[in-house]
């Protein structure tokens, strides 16, 4: 294993959705043993780590994001022994292992909640967020669930409501309760001692609520709605002032960082869905005493014009300060970037230049499984939809199943993922883009991605440097300088389908090669073909 304790800073993390990565036991669902067999492939990409979406014991009403045992592997995925073997193999391949931690809520079948709901006097009575009804029997306030309807569910045993920011089967843990708070830290210690190298923290700004249970105000007319949720969802109509992103969360994150510091080289990346995500990122990652890094939905949304991206970078520079972002274009919750951003663009060149963008920004990077193949969003018919988020909002919002379909390893009927019909259907369009097909083609996107990543990993300025945007008198180009220890790399990105030219405002000393992109530089004038990136050293 590498001895670089700051490997995460500028590192590339490959996200694995275990249900859909590799089914080794032939039940139609991916498993940990299957992941282990494909780690050589992941390592061949040149990435630093893997992140596994939840594999803990769960009733799977939200596919693992409803945990019923924080210290065991769900039998659907295998055993704790399988998990240990996976960690050992990953470490042999110099891959770090990060796992999802869903701390803000549990499954209703978790023993903690089963005890808590019995009465108001048991040992875990205050481990969850309980509240009395209003005099007319209605919920305590106007808080909404992201998955639709009130965030409050009536419980006939306690004659109280409990809070659930997501499904009714996902009750919120009360972080104002010191015992519950400590129990979650202890659960994380368990996995660190087992050998994991870090955590992706689901909904990291949802841990605390206001104990006053005040109503959230509406979004003022003309102001943007909530980030991180479809805008046809009523959840976006409120400013989430009292139900999430509470100041008390900072103290917990500091305690969490103290725990992580006991395990040198471990790291955290937090998911932020917030009305003001960059402010939260600055708050949660600055100072070196809370999260190591965090990601927002700024590049996981639909807007992607050069102007939009420049604005995101400008806002990041202005607001985040010494905080550290983790960039992603795709994950298990959003439409795949090859469709969301790349529809109508070149199917090979566009995904590659989009990856060039995020791997040259200041920050770390997450790549979602299949993104290196250019997989488009799968078309999942309504009768095969599994996502509880998508079913009630269909057809305007079709849920998240389209980005969760099985990985395609070859062009066989089930894409080499399974020997039987998998839990979600394989999109037939994906078969021609399989790993086997692309590995056989030197000009494939997969092989170009490998070349780009391995080149990028050898550039200290791109891994660690500061970023300053540059004006190149062409609004269709994105340009910035990365500087580290006095050395500078100029990066210019053309994400359009047209040739773009620009007069560079500084002298180039060396045009960098080896990344796979092409450009023409005559004196101070850059000519950048469609979907290309330019890298050069400058004084």
Protein backbone atom coordinates (compact mmCIF):
# COMPACT_ATOMS: atom_id res chain seq x y z
CA UNK A 1 0.00 0.00 0.00
CA UNK A 2 1.07 3.56 -0.66
CA UNK A 3 2.45 5.45 2.32
CA UNK A 4 1.02 8.78 1.16
CA UNK A 5 -1.34 9.66 4.02
CA UNK A 6 -2.91 12.42 1.92
CA UNK A 7 -3.66 10.10 -1.01
CA UNK A 8 -7.25 11.37 -0.99
CA UNK A 9 -6.21 14.93 -1.80
CA UNK A 10 -6.49 14.97 -5.56
CA UNK A 11 -7.23 11.25 -5.51
CA UNK A 12 -9.62 9.49 -7.90
CA UNK A 13 -12.30 7.31 -6.31
CA UNK A 14 -14.18 4.71 -8.36
CA UNK A 15 -17.75 4.27 -7.14
CA UNK A 16 -19.14 0.75 -7.18
CA UNK A 17 -22.87 0.11 -6.88
CA UNK A 18 -22.62 -3.45 -5.50
CA UNK A 19 -26.06 -4.67 -6.62
CA UNK A 20 -25.08 -4.01 -10.21
CA UNK A 21 -21.33 -4.58 -10.49
CA UNK A 22 -20.76 -8.34 -10.71
CA UNK A 23 -22.99 -11.28 -9.75
CA UNK A 24 -20.73 -14.21 -8.92
CA UNK A 25 -23.25 -16.49 -7.20
CA UNK A 26 -25.82 -16.31 -10.01
CA UNK A 27 -28.82 -14.88 -8.15
CA UNK A 28 -29.21 -11.82 -10.36
CA UNK A 29 -27.78 -9.40 -7.77
CA UNK A 30 -24.18 -8.28 -7.55
CA UNK A 31 -22.11 -9.41 -4.58
CA UNK A 32 -18.87 -8.72 -2.75
CA UNK A 33 -17.13 -11.81 -4.11
CA UNK A 34 -18.01 -10.56 -7.57
CA UNK A 35 -16.46 -7.18 -6.80
CA UNK A 36 -13.27 -8.91 -5.69
CA UNK A 37 -12.96 -10.68 -9.05
CA UNK A 38 -13.10 -7.34 -10.86
CA UNK A 39 -10.68 -5.33 -8.75
CA UNK A 40 -7.87 -5.94 -11.22
CA UNK A 41 -9.99 -4.16 -13.81
CA UNK A 42 -10.60 -1.22 -11.47
CA UNK A 43 -6.89 -0.97 -10.66
CA UNK A 44 -6.12 -0.95 -14.40
CA UNK A 45 -7.91 2.39 -14.66
CA UNK A 46 -5.25 4.05 -12.52
CA UNK A 47 -7.62 5.16 -9.76
CA UNK A 48 -6.70 5.42 -6.08
CA UNK A 49 -9.70 3.95 -4.28
CA UNK A 50 -13.09 2.29 -4.52
CA UNK A 51 -16.24 3.47 -2.80
CA UNK A 52 -18.95 0.89 -2.18
CA UNK A 53 -22.56 1.95 -1.87
CA UNK A 54 -24.12 0.30 1.22
CA UNK A 55 -23.61 -3.43 1.76
CA UNK A 56 -24.74 -3.56 5.39
CA UNK A 57 -27.63 -5.66 6.66
CA UNK A 58 -30.85 -4.07 5.42
CA UNK A 59 -34.47 -4.82 4.51
CA UNK A 60 -33.54 -3.13 1.19
CA UNK A 61 -36.58 -0.90 1.00
CA UNK A 62 -34.14 1.79 -0.17
CA UNK A 63 -31.51 -0.64 -1.44
CA UNK A 64 -29.17 -0.53 1.53
CA UNK A 65 -29.68 3.09 2.54
CA UNK A 66 -31.89 1.70 5.32
CA UNK A 67 -29.49 -0.10 7.66
CA UNK A 68 -30.70 -2.64 10.21
CA UNK A 69 -27.24 -3.73 11.41
CA UNK A 70 -24.34 -1.31 11.10
CA UNK A 71 -21.72 -3.99 11.79
CA UNK A 72 -22.54 -6.81 9.40
CA UNK A 73 -22.83 -7.51 5.67
CA UNK A 74 -26.24 -8.26 4.22
CA UNK A 75 -26.43 -11.93 3.11
CA UNK A 76 -27.56 -10.68 -0.30
CA UNK A 77 -23.99 -9.45 -0.83
CA UNK A 78 -22.11 -12.16 1.06
CA UNK A 79 -20.45 -12.29 4.46
CA UNK A 80 -18.06 -10.35 6.62
CA UNK A 81 -15.45 -12.88 5.54
CA UNK A 82 -16.08 -11.99 1.88
CA UNK A 83 -15.69 -8.33 2.78
CA UNK A 84 -12.34 -8.94 4.49
CA UNK A 85 -11.09 -10.83 1.44
CA UNK A 86 -12.15 -7.94 -0.77
CA UNK A 87 -10.25 -5.44 1.39
CA UNK A 88 -7.15 -7.64 1.32
CA UNK A 89 -7.23 -7.94 -2.48
CA UNK A 90 -7.85 -4.22 -2.92
CA UNK A 91 -4.89 -3.39 -0.73
CA UNK A 92 -2.71 -5.82 -2.69
CA UNK A 93 -3.62 -3.78 -5.77
CA UNK A 94 -2.84 -0.51 -3.96
CA UNK A 95 -6.53 0.44 -3.92
CA UNK A 96 -8.03 2.10 -0.86
CA UNK A 97 -11.50 0.98 0.24
CA UNK A 98 -14.23 3.43 1.22
CA UNK A 99 -17.73 2.41 2.31
CA UNK A 100 -21.01 4.27 2.52
CA UNK A 101 -22.09 5.25 6.01
CA UNK A 102 -25.77 6.10 6.42
CA UNK A 103 -25.73 7.71 9.84
CA UNK A 104 -28.69 10.07 9.73
CA UNK A 105 -31.35 7.37 9.73
CA UNK A 106 -31.73 3.63 10.10
CA UNK A 107 -34.21 1.02 8.96
CA UNK A 108 -37.37 0.76 11.06
CA UNK A 109 -36.35 -2.88 11.66
CA UNK A 110 -33.15 -1.79 13.40
CA UNK A 111 -33.19 -3.04 17.03
CA UNK A 112 -32.64 0.54 18.21
CA UNK A 113 -35.87 1.72 16.63
CA UNK A 114 -37.84 -1.37 17.59
CA UNK A 115 -36.99 -0.61 21.22
CA UNK A 116 -37.43 3.15 20.89
CA UNK A 117 -40.97 2.92 19.55
CA UNK A 118 -42.27 0.73 22.38
CA UNK A 119 -42.83 3.54 24.87
CA UNK A 120 -41.46 6.87 26.08
CA UNK A 121 -39.41 5.44 28.95
CA UNK A 122 -37.23 2.69 27.46
CA UNK A 123 -33.44 2.98 27.25
CA UNK A 124 -33.57 4.13 23.64
CA UNK A 125 -36.68 6.28 23.89
CA UNK A 126 -34.80 9.37 22.73
CA UNK A 127 -32.50 7.71 20.18
CA UNK A 128 -34.91 8.79 17.40
CA UNK A 129 -36.72 12.06 16.71
CA UNK A 130 -40.16 11.85 18.33
CA UNK A 131 -42.70 14.64 18.68
CA UNK A 132 -46.25 15.07 19.92
CA UNK A 133 -49.01 15.91 17.46
CA UNK A 134 -50.61 19.30 17.27
CA UNK A 135 -53.89 19.59 19.25
CA UNK A 136 -55.82 18.62 16.10
CA UNK A 137 -53.71 15.46 15.67
CA UNK A 138 -51.77 16.73 12.68
CA UNK A 139 -47.95 16.51 12.38
CA UNK A 140 -45.78 18.77 14.54
CA UNK A 141 -44.75 21.05 11.67
CA UNK A 142 -44.57 21.44 7.90
CA UNK A 143 -41.34 19.52 7.27
CA UNK A 144 -41.43 17.37 4.14
CA UNK A 145 -39.84 14.09 3.14
CA UNK A 146 -37.64 14.11 0.05
CA UNK A 147 -39.51 11.00 -1.06
CA UNK A 148 -42.86 12.78 -0.90
CA UNK A 149 -45.41 13.84 1.71
CA UNK A 150 -44.91 14.81 5.33
CA UNK A 151 -41.61 14.02 7.03
CA UNK A 152 -43.61 12.79 10.03
CA UNK A 153 -45.14 9.33 10.51
CA UNK A 154 -47.63 8.49 13.27
CA UNK A 155 -46.78 5.64 15.63
CA UNK A 156 -49.70 4.16 17.55
CA UNK A 157 -47.57 2.70 20.33
CA UNK A 158 -46.02 5.95 21.53
CA UNK A 159 -48.92 8.11 20.31
CA UNK A 160 -46.29 10.35 18.73
CA UNK A 161 -44.88 11.15 15.34
CA UNK A 162 -41.37 10.17 14.32
CA UNK A 163 -39.26 12.08 11.80
CA UNK A 164 -38.21 10.54 8.48
CA UNK A 165 -36.49 12.72 5.90
CA UNK A 166 -36.77 9.89 3.39
CA UNK A 167 -39.03 6.81 3.41
CA UNK A 168 -41.41 6.22 6.34
CA UNK A 169 -39.35 3.07 6.93
CA UNK A 170 -36.22 5.21 7.50
CA UNK A 171 -36.67 6.90 10.90
CA UNK A 172 -34.21 9.67 11.71
CA UNK A 173 -31.72 9.08 14.49
CA UNK A 174 -31.64 11.81 17.13
CA UNK A 175 -28.11 13.21 17.17
CA UNK A 176 -29.06 15.46 20.07
CA UNK A 177 -28.97 12.21 22.09
CA UNK A 178 -25.37 11.72 23.16
CA UNK A 179 -25.68 7.93 23.44
CA UNK A 180 -27.02 7.59 19.89
CA UNK A 181 -24.40 9.96 18.57
CA UNK A 182 -21.59 8.00 20.22
CA UNK A 183 -23.03 4.70 19.02
CA UNK A 184 -22.66 5.86 15.43
CA UNK A 185 -19.06 6.88 16.02
CA UNK A 186 -18.43 3.46 17.54
CA UNK A 187 -19.94 1.81 14.46
CA UNK A 188 -17.51 3.71 12.27
CA UNK A 189 -14.61 2.68 14.47
CA UNK A 190 -15.62 -0.95 13.90
CA UNK A 191 -15.06 -0.64 10.13
CA UNK A 192 -11.86 1.36 10.49
CA UNK A 193 -10.43 -1.36 12.73
CA UNK A 194 -11.52 -3.91 10.14
CA UNK A 195 -9.32 -2.15 7.59
CA UNK A 196 -11.46 0.25 5.56
CA UNK A 197 -9.72 3.45 4.53
CA UNK A 198 -12.58 5.90 4.63
CA UNK A 199 -16.26 6.70 4.38
CA UNK A 200 -18.63 8.33 1.98
CA UNK A 201 -21.13 9.98 4.31
CA UNK A 202 -24.68 9.89 3.03
CA UNK A 203 -26.69 13.10 3.59
CA UNK A 204 -23.99 14.45 5.90
CA UNK A 205 -25.89 17.69 6.60
CA UNK A 206 -29.03 15.83 7.77
CA UNK A 207 -27.76 14.62 11.13
CA UNK A 208 -29.27 17.37 13.29
CA UNK A 209 -32.65 19.06 13.38
CA UNK A 210 -33.83 22.08 15.32
CA UNK A 211 -35.21 20.93 18.65
CA UNK A 212 -37.72 23.80 18.45
CA UNK A 213 -39.38 22.08 15.46
CA UNK A 214 -40.11 25.42 13.78
CA UNK A 215 -41.87 25.44 10.41
CA UNK A 216 -39.60 25.83 7.41
CA UNK A 217 -40.29 29.01 5.43
CA UNK A 218 -41.28 28.84 1.74
CA UNK A 219 -38.73 29.61 -0.96
CA UNK A 220 -39.23 33.30 -1.77
CA UNK A 221 -40.68 33.93 -5.20
CA UNK A 222 -37.98 34.32 -7.81
CA UNK A 223 -35.27 32.58 -5.78
CA UNK A 224 -33.78 29.20 -6.83
CA UNK A 225 -35.23 26.07 -5.32
CA UNK A 226 -33.42 23.44 -3.29
CA UNK A 227 -30.38 21.78 -4.83
CA UNK A 228 -30.22 18.00 -4.97
CA UNK A 229 -33.90 17.17 -5.59
CA UNK A 230 -36.01 17.24 -8.77
CA UNK A 231 -37.85 20.54 -9.04
CA UNK A 232 -41.18 18.80 -9.53
CA UNK A 233 -40.81 17.55 -5.95
CA UNK A 234 -42.67 19.69 -3.35
CA UNK A 235 -39.64 19.29 -1.06
CA UNK A 236 -37.99 22.01 -3.14
CA UNK A 237 -40.70 24.54 -2.26
CA UNK A 238 -39.27 25.08 1.24
CA UNK A 239 -36.11 26.70 2.54
CA UNK A 240 -34.69 23.95 4.72
CA UNK A 241 -33.70 26.07 7.67
CA UNK A 242 -34.76 23.94 10.62
CA UNK A 243 -34.76 20.31 9.46
CA UNK A 244 -31.17 20.06 8.09
CA UNK A 245 -27.76 21.80 8.10
CA UNK A 246 -27.94 22.80 11.73
CA UNK A 247 -24.92 24.40 13.43
CA UNK A 248 -24.70 21.56 15.96
CA UNK A 249 -23.51 19.33 13.14
CA UNK A 250 -20.08 20.96 13.20
CA UNK A 251 -19.31 19.58 16.64
CA UNK A 252 -20.15 16.06 15.52
CA UNK A 253 -17.98 16.39 12.41
CA UNK A 254 -15.08 17.51 14.60
CA UNK A 255 -15.55 14.45 16.79
CA UNK A 256 -15.66 12.32 13.65
CA UNK A 257 -12.42 13.88 12.39
CA UNK A 258 -10.77 13.10 15.72
CA UNK A 259 -11.76 9.47 15.22
CA UNK A 260 -10.42 9.43 11.65
CA UNK A 261 -7.14 10.97 12.82
CA UNK A 262 -6.58 7.85 14.95
CA UNK A 263 -6.29 5.95 11.65
CA UNK A 264 -3.66 7.80 9.57
CA UNK A 265 -4.44 7.80 5.87
CA UNK A 266 -8.19 7.40 6.35
CA UNK A 267 -10.59 9.92 4.84
CA UNK A 268 -14.18 11.14 4.58
CA UNK A 269 -16.23 12.57 1.74
CA UNK A 270 -19.63 14.02 2.55
CA UNK A 271 -22.70 14.26 0.33
CA UNK A 272 -24.30 17.71 0.56
CA UNK A 273 -27.84 18.37 -0.55
CA UNK A 274 -28.57 21.89 0.64
CA UNK A 275 -30.09 25.21 -0.35
CA UNK A 276 -26.59 26.73 -0.14
CA UNK A 277 -24.26 23.81 -0.94
CA UNK A 278 -21.01 25.72 -1.39
CA UNK A 279 -21.45 27.47 1.94
CA UNK A 280 -21.96 24.07 3.54
CA UNK A 281 -18.90 22.69 1.78
CA UNK A 282 -16.80 25.56 3.09
CA UNK A 283 -18.23 25.10 6.57
CA UNK A 284 -17.73 21.32 6.62
CA UNK A 285 -14.30 20.98 4.96
CA UNK A 286 -12.36 24.08 5.99
CA UNK A 287 -9.86 24.25 8.80
CA UNK A 288 -8.66 20.64 8.59
CA UNK A 289 -10.76 19.59 11.59
CA UNK A 290 -14.00 18.28 10.06
CA UNK A 291 -14.59 16.46 6.76
CA UNK A 292 -11.64 15.88 4.47
CA UNK A 293 -13.76 16.63 1.39
CA UNK A 294 -17.35 16.96 0.23
CA UNK A 295 -19.34 17.03 -2.97
CA UNK A 296 -22.36 19.00 -4.04
CA UNK A 297 -24.75 18.64 -6.96
CA UNK A 298 -23.28 21.56 -8.92
CA UNK A 299 -21.96 19.28 -11.67
CA UNK A 300 -24.58 16.58 -11.08
CA UNK A 301 -27.31 18.87 -12.38
CA UNK A 302 -28.38 19.42 -15.97
CA UNK A 303 -26.75 22.85 -16.64
CA UNK A 304 -23.32 22.42 -18.22
CA UNK A 305 -22.61 25.32 -20.55
CA UNK A 306 -19.08 26.80 -20.38
CA UNK A 307 -20.59 29.85 -18.67
CA UNK A 308 -22.31 27.71 -16.05
CA UNK A 309 -19.11 25.77 -15.34
CA UNK A 310 -17.04 28.96 -15.07
CA UNK A 311 -19.60 30.33 -12.63
CA UNK A 312 -19.40 27.15 -10.52
CA UNK A 313 -15.61 27.46 -10.39
CA UNK A 314 -15.78 31.16 -9.54
CA UNK A 315 -18.26 30.52 -6.74
CA UNK A 316 -16.14 27.65 -5.49
CA UNK A 317 -13.05 29.86 -5.36
CA UNK A 318 -14.91 32.67 -3.62
CA UNK A 319 -16.83 30.64 -1.06
CA UNK A 320 -15.02 27.38 -0.29
CA UNK A 321 -11.61 28.84 0.52
CA UNK A 322 -9.27 26.18 1.92
CA UNK A 323 -12.05 23.57 1.88
CA UNK A 324 -11.66 20.63 -0.48
CA UNK A 325 -14.27 19.61 -3.06
CA UNK A 326 -14.77 16.17 -4.57
CA UNK A 327 -16.04 16.43 -8.15
CA UNK A 328 -18.42 14.00 -9.84
CA UNK A 329 -20.41 13.99 -13.06
CA UNK A 330 -22.38 10.80 -12.34
CA UNK A 331 -23.41 8.66 -9.40
CA UNK A 332 -26.16 6.26 -8.34
CA UNK A 333 -28.69 9.08 -7.78
CA UNK A 334 -28.63 11.06 -11.03
CA UNK A 335 -29.05 10.52 -14.77
CA UNK A 336 -25.77 9.32 -16.23
CA UNK A 337 -23.63 12.15 -17.56
CA UNK A 338 -23.33 10.58 -21.03
CA UNK A 339 -27.06 11.32 -21.36
CA UNK A 340 -27.55 14.26 -19.00
CA UNK A 341 -24.71 16.29 -20.51
CA UNK A 342 -23.64 14.29 -23.55
CA UNK A 343 -26.85 13.55 -25.42
CA UNK A 344 -26.41 14.72 -29.02
CA UNK A 345 -22.63 14.98 -28.58
CA UNK A 346 -19.87 12.65 -29.78
CA UNK A 347 -20.28 9.43 -27.77
CA UNK A 348 -16.53 8.93 -27.25
CA UNK A 349 -14.98 12.38 -27.42
CA UNK A 350 -17.50 14.17 -25.19
CA UNK A 351 -17.31 11.84 -22.14
CA UNK A 352 -13.52 11.97 -22.40
CA UNK A 353 -13.26 15.76 -22.42
CA UNK A 354 -15.79 15.95 -19.58
CA UNK A 355 -13.52 13.65 -17.59
CA UNK A 356 -10.56 15.87 -18.54
CA UNK A 357 -12.45 18.76 -16.98
CA UNK A 358 -13.11 17.20 -13.58
CA UNK A 359 -9.71 15.51 -13.31
CA UNK A 360 -7.95 18.84 -13.83
CA UNK A 361 -9.95 20.87 -11.31
CA UNK A 362 -8.78 21.63 -7.79
CA UNK A 363 -10.17 18.80 -5.72
CA UNK A 364 -10.64 15.05 -5.74
CA UNK A 365 -12.73 13.06 -8.21
CA UNK A 366 -15.38 10.34 -8.14
CA UNK A 367 -15.97 8.20 -11.24
CA UNK A 368 -19.13 6.12 -11.27
CA UNK A 369 -18.99 2.56 -12.57
CA UNK A 370 -19.59 2.47 -16.33
CA UNK A 371 -18.75 6.14 -16.75
CA UNK A 372 -15.39 5.09 -18.20
CA UNK A 373 -17.36 3.15 -20.85
CA UNK A 374 -19.59 6.09 -21.78
CA UNK A 375 -22.75 4.23 -20.77
CA UNK A 376 -25.89 6.28 -21.45
CA UNK A 377 -28.84 6.33 -19.05
CA UNK A 378 -30.65 3.01 -19.34
CA UNK A 379 -34.30 2.89 -20.35
CA UNK A 380 -36.09 0.93 -17.61
CA UNK A 381 -39.78 0.25 -18.32
CA UNK A 382 -42.25 1.18 -15.61
CA UNK A 383 -43.05 -2.45 -14.80
CA UNK A 384 -39.36 -3.06 -13.97
CA UNK A 385 -38.86 0.07 -11.84
CA UNK A 386 -37.52 -0.78 -8.37
CA UNK A 387 -36.70 2.66 -6.97
CA UNK A 388 -39.20 3.80 -4.30
CA UNK A 389 -38.32 7.39 -5.18
CA UNK A 390 -39.36 7.00 -8.80
CA UNK A 391 -42.64 5.11 -8.60
CA UNK A 392 -44.80 7.89 -7.05
CA UNK A 393 -43.28 10.63 -9.24
CA UNK A 394 -43.52 8.75 -12.55
CA UNK A 395 -43.51 9.72 -15.42
CA UNK A 396 -42.04 13.21 -14.91
CA UNK A 397 -39.32 11.76 -12.67
CA UNK A 398 -38.51 8.15 -13.44
CA UNK A 399 -36.41 7.49 -10.40
CA UNK A 400 -32.80 6.41 -10.23
CA UNK A 401 -32.94 2.94 -11.77
CA UNK A 402 -31.70 4.15 -15.16
CA UNK A 403 -28.23 4.78 -13.73
CA UNK A 404 -28.22 1.62 -11.59
CA UNK A 405 -28.56 -1.08 -14.23
CA UNK A 406 -25.89 -3.81 -14.37
CA UNK A 407 -22.32 -3.21 -15.43
CA UNK A 408 -21.59 -4.69 -18.86
CA UNK A 409 -18.47 -6.86 -18.98
CA UNK A 410 -19.09 -8.44 -22.39
CA UNK A 411 -21.74 -8.47 -25.14
CA UNK A 412 -23.52 -11.61 -23.95
CA UNK A 413 -27.23 -11.36 -23.17
CA UNK A 414 -26.79 -10.23 -19.56
CA UNK A 415 -23.60 -8.33 -20.27
CA UNK A 416 -21.48 -10.86 -18.39
CA UNK A 417 -22.95 -9.52 -15.16
CA UNK A 418 -25.04 -12.58 -14.31
CA UNK A 419 -26.11 -15.94 -15.71
CA UNK A 420 -29.78 -15.14 -15.07
CA UNK A 421 -32.11 -12.18 -15.55
CA UNK A 422 -30.72 -9.51 -13.18
CA UNK A 423 -32.60 -7.39 -10.68
CA UNK A 424 -32.71 -4.55 -13.22
CA UNK A 425 -32.62 -5.18 -16.97
CA UNK A 426 -29.45 -4.74 -19.00
CA UNK A 427 -29.96 -2.01 -21.59
CA UNK A 428 -29.20 -3.62 -24.96
CA UNK A 429 -27.48 -0.41 -26.10
CA UNK A 430 -24.87 -1.00 -23.41
CA UNK A 431 -23.66 -4.35 -24.80
CA UNK A 432 -21.64 -2.79 -27.63
CA UNK A 433 -19.94 -0.60 -25.01
CA UNK A 434 -18.90 -3.49 -22.74
CA UNK A 435 -15.48 -3.80 -21.15
CA UNK A 436 -14.48 -6.70 -23.40
CA UNK A 437 -15.52 -4.87 -26.57
CA UNK A 438 -13.67 -1.71 -25.59
CA UNK A 439 -10.54 -3.43 -24.35
CA UNK A 440 -10.17 -5.00 -27.80
CA UNK A 441 -10.26 -1.56 -29.45
CA UNK A 442 -7.17 0.65 -28.86
CA UNK A 443 -9.21 3.73 -29.85
CA UNK A 444 -12.05 3.03 -27.42
CA UNK A 445 -13.19 5.43 -24.73
CA UNK A 446 -12.08 2.98 -22.03
CA UNK A 447 -8.51 2.90 -23.30
CA UNK A 448 -8.47 6.68 -23.74
CA UNK A 449 -9.73 7.08 -20.15
CA UNK A 450 -6.93 4.84 -18.89
CA UNK A 451 -4.37 6.94 -20.75
CA UNK A 452 -5.80 10.21 -19.43
CA UNK A 453 -6.01 9.06 -15.81
CA UNK A 454 -2.53 7.60 -15.72
CA UNK A 455 -1.10 10.77 -17.26
CA UNK A 456 -3.03 12.98 -14.86
CA UNK A 457 -1.84 10.98 -11.84
CA UNK A 458 1.75 11.94 -12.71
CA UNK A 459 1.10 15.72 -12.65
CA UNK A 460 1.55 17.18 -9.13
CA UNK A 461 0.00 20.49 -10.19
CA UNK A 462 -3.25 18.75 -11.16
CA UNK A 463 -3.29 16.70 -7.98
CA UNK A 464 -2.50 19.38 -5.44
CA UNK A 465 -2.35 22.81 -7.03
CA UNK A 466 -4.42 25.90 -6.49
CA UNK A 467 -6.72 27.03 -9.31
CA UNK A 468 -7.11 30.44 -10.91
CA UNK A 469 -9.42 30.99 -13.88
CA UNK A 470 -7.98 32.65 -16.98
CA UNK A 471 -9.69 34.85 -19.56
CA UNK A 472 -8.87 33.64 -23.10
CA UNK A 473 -11.26 35.90 -25.08
CA UNK A 474 -13.47 32.98 -26.12
CA UNK A 475 -16.60 32.32 -24.05
CA UNK A 476 -16.89 28.77 -25.40
CA UNK A 477 -13.67 27.74 -23.68
CA UNK A 478 -12.99 26.98 -20.03
CA UNK A 479 -9.47 27.95 -18.97
CA UNK A 480 -7.56 27.98 -15.70
CA UNK A 481 -4.10 27.66 -14.24
CA UNK A 482 -3.15 25.05 -11.65
CA UNK A 483 -0.12 26.03 -9.56
CA UNK A 484 1.82 23.89 -7.10
CA UNK A 485 5.20 24.64 -5.50
CA UNK A 486 5.91 27.40 -8.00
CA UNK A 487 5.14 25.33 -11.09
CA UNK A 488 2.12 26.08 -13.28
CA UNK A 489 0.00 24.19 -15.79
CA UNK A 490 -2.42 26.01 -18.06
CA UNK A 491 -5.56 23.99 -18.83
CA UNK A 492 -7.96 24.90 -21.64
CA UNK A 493 -11.08 22.80 -22.22
CA UNK A 494 -13.26 22.78 -25.34
CA UNK A 495 -16.48 20.89 -24.59
CA UNK A 496 -18.19 22.07 -27.78
CA UNK A 497 -18.55 20.29 -31.12
CA UNK A 498 -16.75 23.12 -32.97
CA UNK A 499 -13.14 24.16 -33.37
CA UNK A 500 -12.36 26.99 -30.96
CA UNK A 501 -9.50 29.47 -31.12
CA UNK A 502 -8.15 31.81 -28.47
CA UNK A 503 -5.27 34.16 -27.88
CA UNK A 504 -3.46 32.95 -24.79
CA UNK A 505 -2.69 35.71 -22.27
CA UNK A 506 0.60 34.15 -21.16
CA UNK A 507 3.65 32.55 -22.75
CA UNK A 508 3.75 28.76 -22.97
CA UNK A 509 7.08 27.13 -22.17
CA UNK A 510 6.17 23.48 -22.84
CA UNK A 511 3.11 21.92 -24.46
CA UNK A 512 2.38 18.79 -22.44
CA UNK A 513 1.70 15.53 -24.24
CA UNK A 514 0.81 11.97 -23.33
CA UNK A 515 -2.78 12.65 -22.28
CA UNK A 516 -4.33 11.78 -25.64
CA UNK A 517 -5.72 15.16 -26.70
CA UNK A 518 -4.66 17.24 -29.68
CA UNK A 519 -4.30 20.99 -30.21
CA UNK A 520 -2.41 23.48 -32.34
CA UNK A 521 -0.46 26.39 -30.89
CA UNK A 522 0.93 29.05 -33.24
CA UNK A 523 2.81 31.72 -31.34
CA UNK A 524 0.16 32.81 -28.79
CA UNK A 525 -2.90 31.55 -30.67
CA UNK A 526 -4.43 28.24 -29.60
CA UNK A 527 -6.60 26.24 -31.99
CA UNK A 528 -8.50 23.58 -30.10
CA UNK A 529 -10.55 21.03 -32.10
CA UNK A 530 -13.95 19.83 -30.93
CA UNK A 531 -14.01 18.02 -27.58
CA UNK A 532 -10.31 18.54 -26.86
CA UNK A 533 -8.21 19.67 -23.90
CA UNK A 534 -4.93 21.57 -23.89
CA UNK A 535 -2.28 21.33 -21.16
CA UNK A 536 0.90 23.39 -21.11
CA UNK A 537 3.52 24.57 -18.67
CA UNK A 538 3.78 28.31 -18.28
CA UNK A 539 6.15 30.67 -16.45
